[in-house]
Amino acid sequence: MPKPILILAYDAECSVCCRMMDRLRARDRDGLLVFFPLQSRELVAIAPELAGRDLHGDIHGLEEGTRRVWKGAGLLPHVLARMPRWKLVAPLLRVPGVSHLVAGIYAWRTTRRFQKYGKQPFQDRF
């Protein structure tokens, strides 16, 4: 059974986030990922489960079929499970020690995401 589509909400003013989304888009051969900037007016209409959440600072994902929401490092296994070459790595990210390490690295990276590259102006690229 194919995986349901995963809607990814990211900060389009964050250079790191935009580069990550570009990389994922290039590797998403099966079309299982849909990308929406937090700044997009359509995001809440398509993903009302994200309304009222603080979306800045973490990438959020909404699985279309179940309407479940994940964010940050907790989203990573769900994204990788939809990538042809990374499917086998996804379960490893759920292992308690590994998941805590990944969560720590993700948190460290997100707190410093504007330090190296700064902010970029929002452009509706899609």
C-alpha atoms as a PDB file:
ATOM      1  CA  MET A   1       0.000   0.000   0.000  1.00  0.00           C
ATOM      2  CA  PRO A   2       1.482   3.404  -0.948  1.00  0.00           C
ATOM      3  CA  LYS A   3       2.273   5.961   1.719  1.00  0.00           C
ATOM      4  CA  PRO A   4      -0.171   8.885   2.025  1.00  0.00           C
ATOM      5  CA  ILE A   5       0.937  12.338   0.937  1.00  0.00           C
ATOM      6  CA  LEU A   6       2.758  14.402   3.539  1.00  0.00           C
ATOM      7  CA  ILE A   7       2.203  18.167   3.530  1.00  0.00           C
ATOM      8  CA  LEU A   8       5.311  20.012   4.739  1.00  0.00           C
ATOM      9  CA  ALA A   9       4.992  23.523   6.191  1.00  0.00           C
ATOM     10  CA  TYR A  10       8.291  25.417   6.345  1.00  0.00           C
ATOM     11  CA  ASP A  11       9.552  28.961   6.873  1.00  0.00           C
ATOM     12  CA  ALA A  12      10.182  30.477   3.433  1.00  0.00           C
ATOM     13  CA  GLU A  13      12.248  33.249   5.040  1.00  0.00           C
ATOM     14  CA  CYS A  14      14.762  30.680   6.294  1.00  0.00           C
ATOM     15  CA  SER A  15      17.533  29.911   3.798  1.00  0.00           C
ATOM     16  CA  VAL A  16      18.301  26.599   5.509  1.00  0.00           C
ATOM     17  CA  CYS A  17      14.638  25.520   5.341  1.00  0.00           C
ATOM     18  CA  CYS A  18      14.346  26.495   1.666  1.00  0.00           C
ATOM     19  CA  ARG A  19      17.479  24.563   0.760  1.00  0.00           C
ATOM     20  CA  MET A  20      16.207  21.532   2.651  1.00  0.00           C
ATOM     21  CA  MET A  21      12.853  21.692   0.844  1.00  0.00           C
ATOM     22  CA  ASP A  22      14.648  22.016  -2.518  1.00  0.00           C
ATOM     23  CA  ARG A  23      16.655  18.879  -1.743  1.00  0.00           C
ATOM     24  CA  LEU A  24      13.580  16.947  -0.678  1.00  0.00           C
ATOM     25  CA  ARG A  25      11.666  18.095  -3.746  1.00  0.00           C
ATOM     26  CA  ALA A  26      14.469  16.861  -6.000  1.00  0.00           C
ATOM     27  CA  ARG A  27      14.440  13.425  -4.330  1.00  0.00           C
ATOM     28  CA  ASP A  28      10.665  13.003  -4.120  1.00  0.00           C
ATOM     29  CA  ARG A  29      10.284  10.780  -7.175  1.00  0.00           C
ATOM     30  CA  ASP A  30       6.897   9.425  -6.098  1.00  0.00           C
ATOM     31  CA  GLY A  31       5.288  12.819  -5.443  1.00  0.00           C
ATOM     32  CA  LEU A  32       4.510  12.012  -1.806  1.00  0.00           C
ATOM     33  CA  LEU A  33       5.595  15.381  -0.423  1.00  0.00           C
ATOM     34  CA  VAL A  34       3.749  18.680  -0.864  1.00  0.00           C
ATOM     35  CA  PHE A  35       5.512  21.871   0.181  1.00  0.00           C
ATOM     36  CA  PHE A  36       3.856  24.967   1.635  1.00  0.00           C
ATOM     37  CA  PRO A  37       5.569  28.032   3.092  1.00  0.00           C
ATOM     38  CA  LEU A  38       4.241  29.149   6.487  1.00  0.00           C
ATOM     39  CA  GLN A  39       3.644  32.495   4.845  1.00  0.00           C
ATOM     40  CA  SER A  40       1.210  31.021   2.290  1.00  0.00           C
ATOM     41  CA  ARG A  41      -2.439  31.992   2.732  1.00  0.00           C
ATOM     42  CA  GLU A  42      -3.524  28.599   1.386  1.00  0.00           C
ATOM     43  CA  LEU A  43      -1.731  26.627   4.116  1.00  0.00           C
ATOM     44  CA  VAL A  44      -4.486  26.847   6.745  1.00  0.00           C
ATOM     45  CA  ALA A  45      -7.185  26.110   4.146  1.00  0.00           C
ATOM     46  CA  ILE A  46      -5.361  22.940   3.071  1.00  0.00           C
ATOM     47  CA  ALA A  47      -4.128  21.984   6.536  1.00  0.00           C
ATOM     48  CA  PRO A  48      -6.557  23.393   9.144  1.00  0.00           C
ATOM     49  CA  GLU A  49      -4.939  21.150  11.778  1.00  0.00           C
ATOM     50  CA  LEU A  50      -1.985  23.548  11.715  1.00  0.00           C
ATOM     51  CA  ALA A  51      -4.095  26.610  12.556  1.00  0.00           C
ATOM     52  CA  GLY A  52      -3.301  28.075  15.955  1.00  0.00           C
ATOM     53  CA  ARG A  53       0.059  26.311  16.248  1.00  0.00           C
ATOM     54  CA  ASP A  54       3.328  28.165  16.548  1.00  0.00           C
ATOM     55  CA  LEU A  55       4.797  27.056  13.237  1.00  0.00           C
ATOM     56  CA  HIS A  56       7.977  29.148  13.336  1.00  0.00           C
ATOM     57  CA  GLY A  57      11.150  27.381  14.380  1.00  0.00           C
ATOM     58  CA  ASP A  58      10.151  23.862  13.286  1.00  0.00           C
ATOM     59  CA  ILE A  59       9.126  22.278  10.036  1.00  0.00           C
ATOM     60  CA  HIS A  60       5.656  20.735  10.431  1.00  0.00           C
ATOM     61  CA  GLY A  61       4.195  17.837   8.515  1.00  0.00           C
ATOM     62  CA  LEU A  62       0.579  16.786   8.094  1.00  0.00           C
ATOM     63  CA  GLU A  63      -0.190  13.333   6.754  1.00  0.00           C
ATOM     64  CA  GLU A  64      -3.064  13.684   4.326  1.00  0.00           C
ATOM     65  CA  GLY A  65      -4.780  10.364   5.058  1.00  0.00           C
ATOM     66  CA  THR A  66      -4.696  10.304   8.870  1.00  0.00           C
ATOM     67  CA  ARG A  67      -4.428  14.098   9.387  1.00  0.00           C
ATOM     68  CA  ARG A  68      -1.687  13.440  11.986  1.00  0.00           C
ATOM     69  CA  VAL A  69       0.791  16.244  12.602  1.00  0.00           C
ATOM     70  CA  TRP A  70       4.502  15.915  13.368  1.00  0.00           C
ATOM     71  CA  LYS A  71       7.128  18.589  13.781  1.00  0.00           C
ATOM     72  CA  GLY A  72      10.858  19.035  13.916  1.00  0.00           C
ATOM     73  CA  ALA A  73      12.978  15.941  14.443  1.00  0.00           C
ATOM     74  CA  GLY A  74       9.828  13.856  15.010  1.00  0.00           C
ATOM     75  CA  LEU A  75       8.850  14.538  11.401  1.00  0.00           C
ATOM     76  CA  LEU A  76      12.113  13.249   9.940  1.00  0.00           C
ATOM     77  CA  PRO A  77      11.276   9.492   9.988  1.00  0.00           C
ATOM     78  CA  HIS A  78       7.988  10.200   8.199  1.00  0.00           C
ATOM     79  CA  VAL A  79       9.735  12.196   5.489  1.00  0.00           C
ATOM     80  CA  LEU A  80      12.487   9.612   5.010  1.00  0.00           C
ATOM     81  CA  ALA A  81       9.921   6.795   4.816  1.00  0.00           C
ATOM     82  CA  ARG A  82       8.697   8.437   1.603  1.00  0.00           C
ATOM     83  CA  MET A  83      12.154   8.704   0.031  1.00  0.00           C
ATOM     84  CA  PRO A  84      13.164   5.714  -2.124  1.00  0.00           C
ATOM     85  CA  ARG A  85      16.786   5.490  -0.951  1.00  0.00           C
ATOM     86  CA  TRP A  86      16.144   6.478   2.658  1.00  0.00           C
ATOM     87  CA  LYS A  87      13.198   4.204   3.557  1.00  0.00           C
ATOM     88  CA  LEU A  88      15.415   1.764   5.422  1.00  0.00           C
ATOM     89  CA  VAL A  89      16.957   4.501   7.592  1.00  0.00           C
ATOM     90  CA  ALA A  90      13.591   5.864   8.781  1.00  0.00           C
ATOM     91  CA  PRO A  91      12.929   3.149  11.432  1.00  0.00           C
ATOM     92  CA  LEU A  92      16.378   3.711  12.946  1.00  0.00           C
ATOM     93  CA  LEU A  93      15.415   7.307  13.744  1.00  0.00           C
ATOM     94  CA  ARG A  94      12.697   6.017  16.056  1.00  0.00           C
ATOM     95  CA  VAL A  95      15.156   4.132  18.271  1.00  0.00           C
ATOM     96  CA  PRO A  96      15.165   5.989  21.640  1.00  0.00           C
ATOM     97  CA  GLY A  97      18.876   6.846  21.829  1.00  0.00           C
ATOM     98  CA  VAL A  98      19.055   7.804  18.171  1.00  0.00           C
ATOM     99  CA  SER A  99      15.829   9.809  18.282  1.00  0.00           C
ATOM    100  CA  HIS A 100      17.123  11.840  21.255  1.00  0.00           C
ATOM    101  CA  LEU A 101      20.413  12.526  19.479  1.00  0.00           C
ATOM    102  CA  VAL A 102      18.638  13.603  16.275  1.00  0.00           C
ATOM    103  CA  ALA A 103      16.243  15.798  18.289  1.00  0.00           C
ATOM    104  CA  GLY A 104      19.199  17.492  20.001  1.00  0.00           C
ATOM    105  CA  ILE A 105      20.987  18.155  16.723  1.00  0.00           C
ATOM    106  CA  TYR A 106      17.768  19.456  15.160  1.00  0.00           C
ATOM    107  CA  ALA A 107      17.122  21.786  18.117  1.00  0.00           C
ATOM    108  CA  TRP A 108      20.690  23.091  18.034  1.00  0.00           C
ATOM    109  CA  ARG A 109      20.449  23.708  14.284  1.00  0.00           C
ATOM    110  CA  THR A 110      17.081  25.479  14.403  1.00  0.00           C
ATOM    111  CA  THR A 111      18.193  27.906  17.107  1.00  0.00           C
ATOM    112  CA  ARG A 112      21.091  28.947  14.875  1.00  0.00           C
ATOM    113  CA  ARG A 113      19.369  28.832  11.498  1.00  0.00           C
ATOM    114  CA  PHE A 114      19.583  32.582  10.816  1.00  0.00           C
ATOM    115  CA  GLN A 115      23.109  33.111  12.182  1.00  0.00           C
ATOM    116  CA  LYS A 116      25.041  31.856   9.179  1.00  0.00           C
ATOM    117  CA  TYR A 117      22.728  32.682   6.266  1.00  0.00           C
ATOM    118  CA  GLY A 118      20.341  35.305   7.647  1.00  0.00           C
ATOM    119  CA  LYS A 119      16.769  35.721   6.514  1.00  0.00           C
ATOM    120  CA  GLN A 120      15.654  35.869   2.947  1.00  0.00           C
ATOM    121  CA  PRO A 121      12.569  37.717   1.734  1.00  0.00           C
ATOM    122  CA  PHE A 122       9.514  35.528   1.222  1.00  0.00           C
ATOM    123  CA  GLN A 123       8.934  34.709  -2.434  1.00  0.00           C
ATOM    124  CA  ASP A 124       6.008  32.564  -3.432  1.00  0.00           C
ATOM    125  CA  ARG A 125       8.183  30.164  -5.440  1.00  0.00           C
ATOM    126  CA  PHE A 126       5.591  27.479  -6.010  1.00  0.00           C
END
